[in-house]
Amino acid sequence: MDSDERDICIYLRGWRGQFVALKEINRRAAGKRRYQEDSNWAVPVLGRLLENGTIESDSTGHFRLKAKPKREKQKQWLAPHIRKALEASGKKFEGVLEIEDESEF
């Protein structure tokens, strides 16, 4: 990944999950001097990033970083003795609600 690609990825990271217009990427990703020298400097770089699969584009020509797939967390018992007691009861607890991680709230 060269410096232009890195500049664009860092800029798009600030807009995580949102599509950004090509004109805004050209203007702000590498600074105003780069834009003044060549106002379409990002076009070939964005093409390379699309081919690599680093970014994605929508139908209107806006770009964003691809979201990383979420890893599934392993289920963990509260305590081993509770696990043994629940398994010994013979009941199935498949319909039980799971508490999500509080840090997401």
PDB file of N, CA and C in Angstrom:
ATOM      1  N   MET A   1       0.851  -1.169   0.000  1.00  0.00           N
ATOM      2  CA  MET A   1       0.000   0.000   0.000  1.00  0.00           C
ATOM      3  C   MET A   1       0.899   1.235   0.000  1.00  0.00           C
ATOM      4  N   ASP A   2       0.732   2.066  -0.998  1.00  0.00           N
ATOM      5  CA  ASP A   2       1.573   3.264  -1.080  1.00  0.00           C
ATOM      6  C   ASP A   2       0.969   4.399  -0.247  1.00  0.00           C
ATOM      7  N   SER A   3       1.636   5.531  -0.248  1.00  0.00           N
ATOM      8  CA  SER A   3       1.219   6.633   0.624  1.00  0.00           C
ATOM      9  C   SER A   3      -0.137   7.210   0.225  1.00  0.00           C
ATOM     10  N   ASP A   4      -0.433   7.261  -1.065  1.00  0.00           N
ATOM     11  CA  ASP A   4      -1.737   7.776  -1.496  1.00  0.00           C
ATOM     12  C   ASP A   4      -2.870   6.874  -1.018  1.00  0.00           C
ATOM     13  N   GLU A   5      -2.685   5.574  -1.156  1.00  0.00           N
ATOM     14  CA  GLU A   5      -3.695   4.628  -0.695  1.00  0.00           C
ATOM     15  C   GLU A   5      -3.872   4.740   0.814  1.00  0.00           C
ATOM     16  N   ARG A   6      -2.773   4.886   1.522  1.00  0.00           N
ATOM     17  CA  ARG A   6      -2.834   5.024   2.973  1.00  0.00           C
ATOM     18  C   ARG A   6      -3.571   6.310   3.373  1.00  0.00           C
ATOM     19  N   ASP A   7      -3.296   7.413   2.672  1.00  0.00           N
ATOM     20  CA  ASP A   7      -3.983   8.673   2.967  1.00  0.00           C
ATOM     21  C   ASP A   7      -5.491   8.543   2.790  1.00  0.00           C
ATOM     22  N   ILE A   8      -5.898   7.893   1.719  1.00  0.00           N
ATOM     23  CA  ILE A   8      -7.329   7.717   1.462  1.00  0.00           C
ATOM     24  C   ILE A   8      -7.965   6.817   2.524  1.00  0.00           C
ATOM     25  N   CYS A   9      -7.292   5.737   2.891  1.00  0.00           N
ATOM     26  CA  CYS A   9      -7.842   4.832   3.906  1.00  0.00           C
ATOM     27  C   CYS A   9      -7.954   5.525   5.261  1.00  0.00           C
ATOM     28  N   ILE A  10      -6.966   6.326   5.609  1.00  0.00           N
ATOM     29  CA  ILE A  10      -7.023   7.055   6.878  1.00  0.00           C
ATOM     30  C   ILE A  10      -8.167   8.066   6.851  1.00  0.00           C
ATOM     31  N   TYR A  11      -8.345   8.741   5.727  1.00  0.00           N
ATOM     32  CA  TYR A  11      -9.446   9.703   5.610  1.00  0.00           C
ATOM     33  C   TYR A  11     -10.803   8.999   5.714  1.00  0.00           C
ATOM     34  N   LEU A  12     -10.957   7.878   5.021  1.00  0.00           N
ATOM     35  CA  LEU A  12     -12.229   7.160   5.050  1.00  0.00           C
ATOM     36  C   LEU A  12     -12.503   6.523   6.411  1.00  0.00           C
ATOM     37  N   ARG A  13     -11.460   6.238   7.164  1.00  0.00           N
ATOM     38  CA  ARG A  13     -11.638   5.682   8.495  1.00  0.00           C
ATOM     39  C   ARG A  13     -12.371   6.676   9.402  1.00  0.00           C
ATOM     40  N   GLY A  14     -12.183   7.962   9.157  1.00  0.00           N
ATOM     41  CA  GLY A  14     -12.893   8.979   9.914  1.00  0.00           C
ATOM     42  C   GLY A  14     -14.378   9.020   9.607  1.00  0.00           C
ATOM     43  N   TRP A  15     -14.769   8.483   8.482  1.00  0.00           N
ATOM     44  CA  TRP A  15     -16.177   8.428   8.063  1.00  0.00           C
ATOM     45  C   TRP A  15     -16.678   6.993   8.101  1.00  0.00           C
ATOM     46  N   ARG A  16     -16.319   6.261   9.121  1.00  0.00           N
ATOM     47  CA  ARG A  16     -16.602   4.826   9.217  1.00  0.00           C
ATOM     48  C   ARG A  16     -18.076   4.522   8.966  1.00  0.00           C
ATOM     49  N   GLY A  17     -18.318   3.689   7.966  1.00  0.00           N
ATOM     50  CA  GLY A  17     -19.672   3.256   7.657  1.00  0.00           C
ATOM     51  C   GLY A  17     -20.446   4.183   6.734  1.00  0.00           C
ATOM     52  N   GLN A  18     -19.904   5.348   6.418  1.00  0.00           N
ATOM     53  CA  GLN A  18     -20.611   6.285   5.557  1.00  0.00           C
ATOM     54  C   GLN A  18     -19.902   6.383   4.213  1.00  0.00           C
ATOM     55  N   PHE A  19     -20.685   6.577   3.172  1.00  0.00           N
ATOM     56  CA  PHE A  19     -20.117   6.770   1.849  1.00  0.00           C
ATOM     57  C   PHE A  19     -19.694   8.231   1.692  1.00  0.00           C
ATOM     58  N   VAL A  20     -18.520   8.444   1.078  1.00  0.00           N
ATOM     59  CA  VAL A  20     -17.961   9.784   0.888  1.00  0.00           C
ATOM     60  C   VAL A  20     -17.798  10.021  -0.604  1.00  0.00           C
ATOM     61  N   ALA A  21     -18.123  11.224  -1.045  1.00  0.00           N
ATOM     62  CA  ALA A  21     -18.052  11.573  -2.466  1.00  0.00           C
ATOM     63  C   ALA A  21     -16.599  11.645  -2.935  1.00  0.00           C
ATOM     64  N   LEU A  22     -16.400  11.363  -4.208  1.00  0.00           N
ATOM     65  CA  LEU A  22     -15.074  11.412  -4.823  1.00  0.00           C
ATOM     66  C   LEU A  22     -14.462  12.799  -4.700  1.00  0.00           C
ATOM     67  N   LYS A  23     -15.266  13.822  -4.885  1.00  0.00           N
ATOM     68  CA  LYS A  23     -14.766  15.197  -4.811  1.00  0.00           C
ATOM     69  C   LYS A  23     -14.211  15.510  -3.421  1.00  0.00           C
ATOM     70  N   GLU A  24     -14.873  15.030  -2.379  1.00  0.00           N
ATOM     71  CA  GLU A  24     -14.396  15.263  -1.016  1.00  0.00           C
ATOM     72  C   GLU A  24     -13.100  14.509  -0.751  1.00  0.00           C
ATOM     73  N   ILE A  25     -12.995  13.315  -1.285  1.00  0.00           N
ATOM     74  CA  ILE A  25     -11.760  12.543  -1.116  1.00  0.00           C
ATOM     75  C   ILE A  25     -10.613  13.253  -1.825  1.00  0.00           C
ATOM     76  N   ASN A  26     -10.855  13.733  -3.040  1.00  0.00           N
ATOM     77  CA  ASN A  26      -9.829  14.475  -3.774  1.00  0.00           C
ATOM     78  C   ASN A  26      -9.363  15.701  -3.001  1.00  0.00           C
ATOM     79  N   ARG A  27     -10.298  16.398  -2.389  1.00  0.00           N
ATOM     80  CA  ARG A  27      -9.973  17.648  -1.689  1.00  0.00           C
ATOM     81  C   ARG A  27      -9.247  17.428  -0.381  1.00  0.00           C
ATOM     82  N   ARG A  28      -9.699  16.485   0.415  1.00  0.00           N
ATOM     83  CA  ARG A  28      -9.289  16.455   1.806  1.00  0.00           C
ATOM     84  C   ARG A  28      -8.392  15.313   2.226  1.00  0.00           C
ATOM     85  N   ALA A  29      -8.254  14.285   1.439  1.00  0.00           N
ATOM     86  CA  ALA A  29      -7.507  13.117   1.893  1.00  0.00           C
ATOM     87  C   ALA A  29      -6.004  13.384   1.993  1.00  0.00           C
ATOM     88  N   ALA A  30      -5.434  14.138   1.077  1.00  0.00           N
ATOM     89  CA  ALA A  30      -3.983  14.335   1.090  1.00  0.00           C
ATOM     90  C   ALA A  30      -3.580  15.790   1.263  1.00  0.00           C
ATOM     91  N   GLY A  31      -4.506  16.664   1.510  1.00  0.00           N
ATOM     92  CA  GLY A  31      -4.173  18.061   1.733  1.00  0.00           C
ATOM     93  C   GLY A  31      -4.474  18.921   0.519  1.00  0.00           C
ATOM     94  N   LYS A  32      -4.485  20.230   0.772  1.00  0.00           N
ATOM     95  CA  LYS A  32      -4.905  21.135  -0.297  1.00  0.00           C
ATOM     96  C   LYS A  32      -3.843  21.305  -1.382  1.00  0.00           C
ATOM     97  N   ARG A  33      -2.571  21.154  -1.050  1.00  0.00           N
ATOM     98  CA  ARG A  33      -1.534  21.288  -2.090  1.00  0.00           C
ATOM     99  C   ARG A  33      -1.652  20.192  -3.137  1.00  0.00           C
ATOM    100  N   ARG A  34      -1.906  18.993  -2.668  1.00  0.00           N
ATOM    101  CA  ARG A  34      -2.069  17.868  -3.598  1.00  0.00           C
ATOM    102  C   ARG A  34      -3.276  18.111  -4.503  1.00  0.00           C
ATOM    103  N   TYR A  35      -4.347  18.650  -3.947  1.00  0.00           N
ATOM    104  CA  TYR A  35      -5.550  18.945  -4.725  1.00  0.00           C
ATOM    105  C   TYR A  35      -5.296  20.070  -5.713  1.00  0.00           C
ATOM    106  N   GLN A  36      -4.508  21.068  -5.332  1.00  0.00           N
ATOM    107  CA  GLN A  36      -4.214  22.180  -6.234  1.00  0.00           C
ATOM    108  C   GLN A  36      -3.341  21.734  -7.402  1.00  0.00           C
ATOM    109  N   GLU A  37      -2.427  20.801  -7.159  1.00  0.00           N
ATOM    110  CA  GLU A  37      -1.569  20.292  -8.233  1.00  0.00           C
ATOM    111  C   GLU A  37      -2.358  19.461  -9.231  1.00  0.00           C
ATOM    112  N   ASP A  38      -3.203  18.561  -8.720  1.00  0.00           N
ATOM    113  CA  ASP A  38      -4.006  17.691  -9.576  1.00  0.00           C
ATOM    114  C   ASP A  38      -5.331  17.429  -8.883  1.00  0.00           C
ATOM    115  N   SER A  39      -6.395  17.965  -9.431  1.00  0.00           N
ATOM    116  CA  SER A  39      -7.689  17.868  -8.752  1.00  0.00           C
ATOM    117  C   SER A  39      -8.325  16.479  -8.854  1.00  0.00           C
ATOM    118  N   ASN A  40      -7.802  15.595  -9.681  1.00  0.00           N
ATOM    119  CA  ASN A  40      -8.333  14.232  -9.801  1.00  0.00           C
ATOM    120  C   ASN A  40      -7.282  13.183  -9.456  1.00  0.00           C
ATOM    121  N   TRP A  41      -6.440  13.472  -8.505  1.00  0.00           N
ATOM    122  CA  TRP A  41      -5.346  12.566  -8.166  1.00  0.00           C
ATOM    123  C   TRP A  41      -5.847  11.256  -7.562  1.00  0.00           C
ATOM    124  N   ALA A  42      -7.019  11.249  -6.933  1.00  0.00           N
ATOM    125  CA  ALA A  42      -7.495  10.064  -6.222  1.00  0.00           C
ATOM    126  C   ALA A  42      -8.174   9.034  -7.119  1.00  0.00           C
ATOM    127  N   VAL A  43      -8.500   9.392  -8.343  1.00  0.00           N
ATOM    128  CA  VAL A  43      -9.260   8.483  -9.208  1.00  0.00           C
ATOM    129  C   VAL A  43      -8.507   7.163  -9.461  1.00  0.00           C
ATOM    130  N   PRO A  44      -7.242   7.175  -9.899  1.00  0.00           N
ATOM    131  CA  PRO A  44      -6.566   5.889 -10.113  1.00  0.00           C
ATOM    132  C   PRO A  44      -6.289   5.138  -8.809  1.00  0.00           C
ATOM    133  N   VAL A  45      -6.083   5.873  -7.743  1.00  0.00           N
ATOM    134  CA  VAL A  45      -5.819   5.239  -6.451  1.00  0.00           C
ATOM    135  C   VAL A  45      -7.073   4.526  -5.955  1.00  0.00           C
ATOM    136  N   LEU A  46      -8.219   5.161  -6.109  1.00  0.00           N
ATOM    137  CA  LEU A  46      -9.472   4.523  -5.707  1.00  0.00           C
ATOM    138  C   LEU A  46      -9.761   3.291  -6.552  1.00  0.00           C
ATOM    139  N   GLY A  47      -9.392   3.330  -7.806  1.00  0.00           N
ATOM    140  CA  GLY A  47      -9.544   2.147  -8.655  1.00  0.00           C
ATOM    141  C   GLY A  47      -8.737   0.971  -8.145  1.00  0.00           C
ATOM    142  N   ARG A  48      -7.499   1.245  -7.726  1.00  0.00           N
ATOM    143  CA  ARG A  48      -6.663   0.176  -7.173  1.00  0.00           C
ATOM    144  C   ARG A  48      -7.249  -0.356  -5.872  1.00  0.00           C
ATOM    145  N   LEU A  49      -7.746   0.542  -5.025  1.00  0.00           N
ATOM    146  CA  LEU A  49      -8.323   0.114  -3.757  1.00  0.00           C
ATOM    147  C   LEU A  49      -9.602  -0.703  -3.964  1.00  0.00           C
ATOM    148  N   LEU A  50     -10.368  -0.368  -4.990  1.00  0.00           N
ATOM    149  CA  LEU A  50     -11.555  -1.170  -5.315  1.00  0.00           C
ATOM    150  C   LEU A  50     -11.168  -2.571  -5.774  1.00  0.00           C
ATOM    151  N   GLU A  51     -10.118  -2.654  -6.601  1.00  0.00           N
ATOM    152  CA  GLU A  51      -9.656  -3.960  -7.071  1.00  0.00           C
ATOM    153  C   GLU A  51      -9.133  -4.815  -5.931  1.00  0.00           C
ATOM    154  N   ASN A  52      -8.443  -4.189  -4.981  1.00  0.00           N
ATOM    155  CA  ASN A  52      -7.902  -4.919  -3.829  1.00  0.00           C
ATOM    156  C   ASN A  52      -8.993  -5.384  -2.881  1.00  0.00           C
ATOM    157  N   GLY A  53     -10.146  -4.728  -2.927  1.00  0.00           N
ATOM    158  CA  GLY A  53     -11.223  -5.065  -2.010  1.00  0.00           C
ATOM    159  C   GLY A  53     -11.119  -4.322  -0.688  1.00  0.00           C
ATOM    160  N   THR A  54     -10.303  -3.281  -0.630  1.00  0.00           N
ATOM    161  CA  THR A  54     -10.145  -2.499   0.585  1.00  0.00           C
ATOM    162  C   THR A  54     -11.330  -1.573   0.799  1.00  0.00           C
ATOM    163  N   ILE A  55     -11.860  -1.018  -0.283  1.00  0.00           N
ATOM    164  CA  ILE A  55     -13.002  -0.113  -0.191  1.00  0.00           C
ATOM    165  C   ILE A  55     -14.129  -0.641  -1.063  1.00  0.00           C
ATOM    166  N   GLU A  56     -15.299  -0.045  -0.902  1.00  0.00           N
ATOM    167  CA  GLU A  56     -16.437  -0.396  -1.742  1.00  0.00           C
ATOM    168  C   GLU A  56     -17.121   0.877  -2.201  1.00  0.00           C
ATOM    169  N   SER A  57     -17.880   0.755  -3.281  1.00  0.00           N
ATOM    170  CA  SER A  57     -18.533   1.903  -3.886  1.00  0.00           C
ATOM    171  C   SER A  57     -20.020   1.630  -4.010  1.00  0.00           C
ATOM    172  N   ASP A  58     -20.812   2.703  -3.935  1.00  0.00           N
ATOM    173  CA  ASP A  58     -22.243   2.552  -4.166  1.00  0.00           C
ATOM    174  C   ASP A  58     -22.568   2.971  -5.592  1.00  0.00           C
ATOM    175  N   SER A  59     -23.831   2.979  -5.934  1.00  0.00           N
ATOM    176  CA  SER A  59     -24.239   3.259  -7.310  1.00  0.00           C
ATOM    177  C   SER A  59     -24.044   4.719  -7.704  1.00  0.00           C
ATOM    178  N   THR A  60     -23.882   5.611  -6.739  1.00  0.00           N
ATOM    179  CA  THR A  60     -23.710   7.032  -7.052  1.00  0.00           C
ATOM    180  C   THR A  60     -22.255   7.449  -7.127  1.00  0.00           C
ATOM    181  N   GLY A  61     -21.324   6.523  -6.969  1.00  0.00           N
ATOM    182  CA  GLY A  61     -19.901   6.837  -7.074  1.00  0.00           C
ATOM    183  C   GLY A  61     -19.279   7.326  -5.787  1.00  0.00           C
ATOM    184  N   HIS A  62     -19.887   7.023  -4.664  1.00  0.00           N
ATOM    185  CA  HIS A  62     -19.323   7.359  -3.366  1.00  0.00           C
ATOM    186  C   HIS A  62     -18.589   6.135  -2.825  1.00  0.00           C
ATOM    187  N   PHE A  63     -17.615   6.367  -1.949  1.00  0.00           N
ATOM    188  CA  PHE A  63     -16.747   5.296  -1.478  1.00  0.00           C
ATOM    189  C   PHE A  63     -16.737   5.238   0.039  1.00  0.00           C
ATOM    190  N   ARG A  64     -16.458   4.022   0.560  1.00  0.00           N
ATOM    191  CA  ARG A  64     -16.254   3.825   1.994  1.00  0.00           C
ATOM    192  C   ARG A  64     -15.375   2.600   2.203  1.00  0.00           C
ATOM    193  N   LEU A  65     -14.786   2.521   3.393  1.00  0.00           N
ATOM    194  CA  LEU A  65     -14.008   1.347   3.740  1.00  0.00           C
ATOM    195  C   LEU A  65     -14.935   0.162   3.924  1.00  0.00           C
ATOM    196  N   LYS A  66     -14.471  -1.012   3.539  1.00  0.00           N
ATOM    197  CA  LYS A  66     -15.275  -2.208   3.750  1.00  0.00           C
ATOM    198  C   LYS A  66     -15.295  -2.530   5.236  1.00  0.00           C
ATOM    199  N   ALA A  67     -16.439  -2.936   5.708  1.00  0.00           N
ATOM    200  CA  ALA A  67     -16.583  -3.310   7.114  1.00  0.00           C
ATOM    201  C   ALA A  67     -15.933  -4.669   7.342  1.00  0.00           C
ATOM    202  N   LYS A  68     -15.239  -4.777   8.444  1.00  0.00           N
ATOM    203  CA  LYS A  68     -14.643  -6.059   8.796  1.00  0.00           C
ATOM    204  C   LYS A  68     -15.731  -6.972   9.339  1.00  0.00           C
ATOM    205  N   PRO A  69     -15.700  -8.249   8.980  1.00  0.00           N
ATOM    206  CA  PRO A  69     -16.724  -9.159   9.495  1.00  0.00           C
ATOM    207  C   PRO A  69     -16.573  -9.319  11.003  1.00  0.00           C
ATOM    208  N   LYS A  70     -17.708  -9.333  11.690  1.00  0.00           N
ATOM    209  CA  LYS A  70     -17.672  -9.489  13.138  1.00  0.00           C
ATOM    210  C   LYS A  70     -17.401 -10.933  13.496  1.00  0.00           C
ATOM    211  N   ARG A  71     -16.526 -11.097  14.466  1.00  0.00           N
ATOM    212  CA  ARG A  71     -16.239 -12.446  14.940  1.00  0.00           C
ATOM    213  C   ARG A  71     -17.298 -12.842  15.952  1.00  0.00           C
ATOM    214  N   GLU A  72     -17.690 -14.072  15.877  1.00  0.00           N
ATOM    215  CA  GLU A  72     -18.663 -14.566  16.842  1.00  0.00           C
ATOM    216  C   GLU A  72     -17.944 -14.900  18.134  1.00  0.00           C
ATOM    217  N   LYS A  73     -18.520 -14.436  19.238  1.00  0.00           N
ATOM    218  CA  LYS A  73     -17.925 -14.702  20.539  1.00  0.00           C
ATOM    219  C   LYS A  73     -18.339 -16.085  21.008  1.00  0.00           C
ATOM    220  N   GLN A  74     -17.418 -16.727  21.692  1.00  0.00           N
ATOM    221  CA  GLN A  74     -17.753 -18.020  22.249  1.00  0.00           C
ATOM    222  C   GLN A  74     -18.646 -17.820  23.461  1.00  0.00           C
ATOM    223  N   LYS A  75     -19.591 -18.698  23.619  1.00  0.00           N
ATOM    224  CA  LYS A  75     -20.466 -18.634  24.779  1.00  0.00           C
ATOM    225  C   LYS A  75     -19.686 -19.138  25.983  1.00  0.00           C
ATOM    226  N   GLN A  76     -19.866 -18.444  27.084  1.00  0.00           N
ATOM    227  CA  GLN A  76     -19.110 -18.782  28.274  1.00  0.00           C
ATOM    228  C   GLN A  76     -20.075 -18.896  29.451  1.00  0.00           C
ATOM    229  N   TRP A  77     -19.876 -19.923  30.230  1.00  0.00           N
ATOM    230  CA  TRP A  77     -20.722 -20.121  31.393  1.00  0.00           C
ATOM    231  C   TRP A  77     -20.285 -19.180  32.509  1.00  0.00           C
ATOM    232  N   LEU A  78     -21.258 -18.830  33.345  1.00  0.00           N
ATOM    233  CA  LEU A  78     -20.974 -17.950  34.464  1.00  0.00           C
ATOM    234  C   LEU A  78     -20.029 -18.624  35.461  1.00  0.00           C
ATOM    235  N   ALA A  79     -20.318 -19.865  35.786  1.00  0.00           N
ATOM    236  CA  ALA A  79     -19.469 -20.617  36.704  1.00  0.00           C
ATOM    237  C   ALA A  79     -19.611 -22.099  36.372  1.00  0.00           C
ATOM    238  N   PRO A  80     -18.553 -22.894  36.590  1.00  0.00           N
ATOM    239  CA  PRO A  80     -18.613 -24.320  36.238  1.00  0.00           C
ATOM    240  C   PRO A  80     -19.671 -25.094  37.025  1.00  0.00           C
ATOM    241  N   HIS A  81     -19.866 -24.779  38.297  1.00  0.00           N
ATOM    242  CA  HIS A  81     -20.844 -25.533  39.084  1.00  0.00           C
ATOM    243  C   HIS A  81     -22.279 -25.237  38.624  1.00  0.00           C
ATOM    244  N   ILE A  82     -22.532 -24.038  38.129  1.00  0.00           N
ATOM    245  CA  ILE A  82     -23.857 -23.716  37.585  1.00  0.00           C
ATOM    246  C   ILE A  82     -24.080 -24.494  36.295  1.00  0.00           C
ATOM    247  N   ARG A  83     -23.040 -24.615  35.498  1.00  0.00           N
ATOM    248  CA  ARG A  83     -23.137 -25.376  34.251  1.00  0.00           C
ATOM    249  C   ARG A  83     -23.503 -26.825  34.536  1.00  0.00           C
ATOM    250  N   LYS A  84     -22.811 -27.430  35.505  1.00  0.00           N
ATOM    251  CA  LYS A  84     -23.084 -28.829  35.847  1.00  0.00           C
ATOM    252  C   LYS A  84     -24.513 -29.009  36.342  1.00  0.00           C
ATOM    253  N   ALA A  85     -24.977 -28.068  37.149  1.00  0.00           N
ATOM    254  CA  ALA A  85     -26.331 -28.174  37.689  1.00  0.00           C
ATOM    255  C   ALA A  85     -27.373 -28.045  36.584  1.00  0.00           C
ATOM    256  N   LEU A  86     -27.160 -27.119  35.646  1.00  0.00           N
ATOM    257  CA  LEU A  86     -28.122 -26.939  34.553  1.00  0.00           C
ATOM    258  C   LEU A  86     -28.110 -28.125  33.600  1.00  0.00           C
ATOM    259  N   GLU A  87     -26.929 -28.675  33.307  1.00  0.00           N
ATOM    260  CA  GLU A  87     -26.866 -29.845  32.425  1.00  0.00           C
ATOM    261  C   GLU A  87     -27.462 -31.068  33.093  1.00  0.00           C
ATOM    262  N   ALA A  88     -27.310 -31.191  34.413  1.00  0.00           N
ATOM    263  CA  ALA A  88     -27.862 -32.334  35.140  1.00  0.00           C
ATOM    264  C   ALA A  88     -29.385 -32.274  35.207  1.00  0.00           C
ATOM    265  N   SER A  89     -29.956 -31.088  35.100  1.00  0.00           N
ATOM    266  CA  SER A  89     -31.416 -30.961  35.179  1.00  0.00           C
ATOM    267  C   SER A  89     -32.113 -31.556  33.960  1.00  0.00           C
ATOM    268  N   GLY A  90     -31.406 -31.650  32.841  1.00  0.00           N
ATOM    269  CA  GLY A  90     -31.977 -32.244  31.642  1.00  0.00           C
ATOM    270  C   GLY A  90     -32.811 -31.284  30.812  1.00  0.00           C
ATOM    271  N   LYS A  91     -32.950 -30.042  31.232  1.00  0.00           N
ATOM    272  CA  LYS A  91     -33.730 -29.063  30.480  1.00  0.00           C
ATOM    273  C   LYS A  91     -32.866 -28.449  29.388  1.00  0.00           C
ATOM    274  N   LYS A  92     -33.540 -27.974  28.357  1.00  0.00           N
ATOM    275  CA  LYS A  92     -32.845 -27.287  27.275  1.00  0.00           C
ATOM    276  C   LYS A  92     -33.086 -25.791  27.422  1.00  0.00           C
ATOM    277  N   PHE A  93     -32.031 -25.012  27.297  1.00  0.00           N
ATOM    278  CA  PHE A  93     -32.108 -23.570  27.472  1.00  0.00           C
ATOM    279  C   PHE A  93     -31.798 -22.842  26.169  1.00  0.00           C
ATOM    280  N   GLU A  94     -32.380 -23.322  25.083  1.00  0.00           N
ATOM    281  CA  GLU A  94     -32.091 -22.732  23.775  1.00  0.00           C
ATOM    282  C   GLU A  94     -32.852 -21.440  23.533  1.00  0.00           C
ATOM    283  N   GLY A  95     -33.997 -21.251  24.139  1.00  0.00           N
ATOM    284  CA  GLY A  95     -34.810 -20.065  23.910  1.00  0.00           C
ATOM    285  C   GLY A  95     -34.526 -18.942  24.891  1.00  0.00           C
ATOM    286  N   VAL A  96     -33.474 -19.048  25.646  1.00  0.00           N
ATOM    287  CA  VAL A  96     -33.149 -18.064  26.670  1.00  0.00           C
ATOM    288  C   VAL A  96     -32.512 -16.843  26.027  1.00  0.00           C
ATOM    289  N   LEU A  97     -32.868 -15.661  26.487  1.00  0.00           N
ATOM    290  CA  LEU A  97     -32.266 -14.429  25.981  1.00  0.00           C
ATOM    291  C   LEU A  97     -30.836 -14.315  26.463  1.00  0.00           C
ATOM    292  N   GLU A  98     -29.993 -13.792  25.582  1.00  0.00           N
ATOM    293  CA  GLU A  98     -28.600 -13.587  25.946  1.00  0.00           C
ATOM    294  C   GLU A  98     -28.362 -12.105  26.165  1.00  0.00           C
ATOM    295  N   ILE A  99     -27.596 -11.777  27.178  1.00  0.00           N
ATOM    296  CA  ILE A  99     -27.257 -10.393  27.460  1.00  0.00           C
ATOM    297  C   ILE A  99     -26.063 -10.004  26.597  1.00  0.00           C
ATOM    298  N   GLU A 100     -26.215  -8.914  25.863  1.00  0.00           N
ATOM    299  CA  GLU A 100     -25.132  -8.462  24.999  1.00  0.00           C
ATOM    300  C   GLU A 100     -24.090  -7.734  25.838  1.00  0.00           C
ATOM    301  N   ASP A 101     -22.946  -7.536  25.250  1.00  0.00           N
ATOM    302  CA  ASP A 101     -21.869  -6.834  25.912  1.00  0.00           C
ATOM    303  C   ASP A 101     -22.302  -5.393  26.199  1.00  0.00           C
ATOM    304  N   GLU A 102     -22.151  -4.948  27.432  1.00  0.00           N
ATOM    305  CA  GLU A 102     -22.612  -3.618  27.821  1.00  0.00           C
ATOM    306  C   GLU A 102     -21.767  -2.496  27.210  1.00  0.00           C
ATOM    307  N   SER A 103     -20.576  -2.813  26.750  1.00  0.00           N
ATOM    308  CA  SER A 103     -19.714  -1.775  26.164  1.00  0.00           C
ATOM    309  C   SER A 103     -20.273  -1.272  24.844  1.00  0.00           C
ATOM    310  N   GLU A 104     -21.165  -2.012  24.199  1.00  0.00           N
ATOM    311  CA  GLU A 104     -21.759  -1.580  22.937  1.00  0.00           C
ATOM    312  C   GLU A 104     -22.814  -0.508  23.155  1.00  0.00           C
ATOM    313  N   PHE A 105     -23.351  -0.394  24.353  1.00  0.00           N
ATOM    314  CA  PHE A 105     -24.391   0.585  24.635  1.00  0.00           C
ATOM    315  C   PHE A 105     -23.725   1.871  24.916  1.00  0.00           C
TER     316      PHE A 105
END
